[in-house]
């Protein structure tokens, strides 16, 4: 069980980070464009983390001989969800 608990904490941390940055972006005045830029940058940072973890989890759950196939399958699923 501890193997699943640590990645869950990381994903929750990224989720809290996205929520905090969205609230910060909502409260930043329009007269501070550099602060708006910084919050948009941080929103992108916090969104990329879980996306990267999906690929890492896919690579770690399968054996060494099928890592390429699992990454290809995950990429295919990601491309299917892209147009929506």
C-alpha atoms as a PDB file:
ATOM      1  CA  UNK A   1       0.000   0.000   0.000  1.00  0.00           C
ATOM      2  CA  UNK A   2       2.757   2.577   0.627  1.00  0.00           C
ATOM      3  CA  UNK A   3       3.709   2.339  -3.059  1.00  0.00           C
ATOM      4  CA  UNK A   4       0.337   3.827  -4.076  1.00  0.00           C
ATOM      5  CA  UNK A   5       0.133   6.371  -1.250  1.00  0.00           C
ATOM      6  CA  UNK A   6       3.107   8.549  -2.241  1.00  0.00           C
ATOM      7  CA  UNK A   7       1.993   9.144  -5.874  1.00  0.00           C
ATOM      8  CA  UNK A   8      -1.475   9.946  -4.551  1.00  0.00           C
ATOM      9  CA  UNK A   9       0.009  12.614  -2.288  1.00  0.00           C
ATOM     10  CA  UNK A  10       1.882  14.072  -5.251  1.00  0.00           C
ATOM     11  CA  UNK A  11      -1.244  14.240  -7.408  1.00  0.00           C
ATOM     12  CA  UNK A  12      -3.198  15.848  -4.555  1.00  0.00           C
ATOM     13  CA  UNK A  13      -0.388  18.387  -4.183  1.00  0.00           C
ATOM     14  CA  UNK A  14      -0.574  19.245  -7.873  1.00  0.00           C
ATOM     15  CA  UNK A  15      -4.370  19.558  -7.626  1.00  0.00           C
ATOM     16  CA  UNK A  16      -4.113  21.924  -4.670  1.00  0.00           C
ATOM     17  CA  UNK A  17      -1.478  23.911  -6.579  1.00  0.00           C
ATOM     18  CA  UNK A  18      -3.741  24.285  -9.617  1.00  0.00           C
ATOM     19  CA  UNK A  19      -6.653  25.356  -7.428  1.00  0.00           C
ATOM     20  CA  UNK A  20      -4.511  27.908  -5.589  1.00  0.00           C
ATOM     21  CA  UNK A  21      -3.124  29.344  -8.822  1.00  0.00           C
ATOM     22  CA  UNK A  22      -6.599  29.575 -10.368  1.00  0.00           C
ATOM     23  CA  UNK A  23      -7.782  31.522  -7.333  1.00  0.00           C
ATOM     24  CA  UNK A  24      -4.677  33.696  -7.527  1.00  0.00           C
ATOM     25  CA  UNK A  25      -5.263  34.327 -11.229  1.00  0.00           C
ATOM     26  CA  UNK A  26      -8.862  35.282 -10.522  1.00  0.00           C
ATOM     27  CA  UNK A  27      -7.770  37.792  -7.871  1.00  0.00           C
ATOM     28  CA  UNK A  28      -4.840  39.389  -9.747  1.00  0.00           C
ATOM     29  CA  UNK A  29      -5.753  42.862 -11.010  1.00  0.00           C
ATOM     30  CA  UNK A  30      -5.527  43.638 -14.716  1.00  0.00           C
ATOM     31  CA  UNK A  31      -2.967  46.365 -13.987  1.00  0.00           C
ATOM     32  CA  UNK A  32      -0.308  43.763 -13.099  1.00  0.00           C
ATOM     33  CA  UNK A  33       0.373  41.820 -16.307  1.00  0.00           C
ATOM     34  CA  UNK A  34       3.634  40.355 -15.011  1.00  0.00           C
ATOM     35  CA  UNK A  35       1.772  38.786 -12.079  1.00  0.00           C
ATOM     36  CA  UNK A  36      -0.870  37.430 -14.437  1.00  0.00           C
ATOM     37  CA  UNK A  37       1.914  35.918 -16.535  1.00  0.00           C
ATOM     38  CA  UNK A  38       3.498  34.334 -13.450  1.00  0.00           C
ATOM     39  CA  UNK A  39       0.210  32.763 -12.339  1.00  0.00           C
ATOM     40  CA  UNK A  40      -0.488  31.380 -15.832  1.00  0.00           C
ATOM     41  CA  UNK A  41       3.029  29.930 -15.825  1.00  0.00           C
ATOM     42  CA  UNK A  42       2.396  28.252 -12.475  1.00  0.00           C
ATOM     43  CA  UNK A  43      -0.975  26.898 -13.650  1.00  0.00           C
ATOM     44  CA  UNK A  44       0.854  25.250 -16.566  1.00  0.00           C
ATOM     45  CA  UNK A  45       3.500  23.904 -14.189  1.00  0.00           C
ATOM     46  CA  UNK A  46       0.924  22.296 -11.926  1.00  0.00           C
ATOM     47  CA  UNK A  47      -1.044  20.862 -14.867  1.00  0.00           C
ATOM     48  CA  UNK A  48       2.014  19.202 -16.409  1.00  0.00           C
ATOM     49  CA  UNK A  49       2.841  17.148 -13.310  1.00  0.00           C
ATOM     50  CA  UNK A  50      -0.069  14.696 -13.402  1.00  0.00           C
ATOM     51  CA  UNK A  51       0.263  14.416 -17.180  1.00  0.00           C
ATOM     52  CA  UNK A  52       3.880  13.333 -16.755  1.00  0.00           C
ATOM     53  CA  UNK A  53       2.975  10.918 -13.957  1.00  0.00           C
ATOM     54  CA  UNK A  54       0.571   9.029 -16.239  1.00  0.00           C
ATOM     55  CA  UNK A  55       3.455   8.076 -18.510  1.00  0.00           C
ATOM     56  CA  UNK A  56       5.683   7.141 -15.588  1.00  0.00           C
ATOM     57  CA  UNK A  57       3.005   4.956 -14.019  1.00  0.00           C
ATOM     58  CA  UNK A  58       2.404   3.232 -17.338  1.00  0.00           C
ATOM     59  CA  UNK A  59       6.108   2.458 -17.671  1.00  0.00           C
ATOM     60  CA  UNK A  60       6.452   1.156 -14.119  1.00  0.00           C
ATOM     61  CA  UNK A  61       3.380  -1.096 -14.110  1.00  0.00           C
ATOM     62  CA  UNK A  62       4.553  -3.333 -16.969  1.00  0.00           C
ATOM     63  CA  UNK A  63       7.637  -5.438 -17.502  1.00  0.00           C
ATOM     64  CA  UNK A  64      10.742  -4.177 -19.294  1.00  0.00           C
ATOM     65  CA  UNK A  65       9.855  -5.956 -22.522  1.00  0.00           C
ATOM     66  CA  UNK A  66       6.537  -4.128 -22.934  1.00  0.00           C
ATOM     67  CA  UNK A  67       7.310  -0.558 -21.858  1.00  0.00           C
ATOM     68  CA  UNK A  68       7.225   0.702 -25.442  1.00  0.00           C
ATOM     69  CA  UNK A  69       3.842  -0.853 -26.093  1.00  0.00           C
ATOM     70  CA  UNK A  70       2.341   0.562 -22.897  1.00  0.00           C
ATOM     71  CA  UNK A  71       3.668   4.061 -23.641  1.00  0.00           C
ATOM     72  CA  UNK A  72       2.305   3.821 -27.175  1.00  0.00           C
ATOM     73  CA  UNK A  73      -1.085   2.761 -25.868  1.00  0.00           C
ATOM     74  CA  UNK A  74      -1.161   5.630 -23.362  1.00  0.00           C
ATOM     75  CA  UNK A  75      -0.178   8.069 -26.110  1.00  0.00           C
ATOM     76  CA  UNK A  76      -2.911   6.710 -28.355  1.00  0.00           C
ATOM     77  CA  UNK A  77      -5.494   7.192 -25.605  1.00  0.00           C
ATOM     78  CA  UNK A  78      -4.208  10.736 -25.029  1.00  0.00           C
ATOM     79  CA  UNK A  79      -4.619  11.547 -28.717  1.00  0.00           C
ATOM     80  CA  UNK A  80      -8.169  10.187 -28.651  1.00  0.00           C
ATOM     81  CA  UNK A  81      -9.055  12.532 -25.811  1.00  0.00           C
ATOM     82  CA  UNK A  82      -7.394  15.568 -27.391  1.00  0.00           C
ATOM     83  CA  UNK A  83     -10.140  16.710 -29.807  1.00  0.00           C
ATOM     84  CA  UNK A  84     -12.805  16.822 -27.095  1.00  0.00           C
END
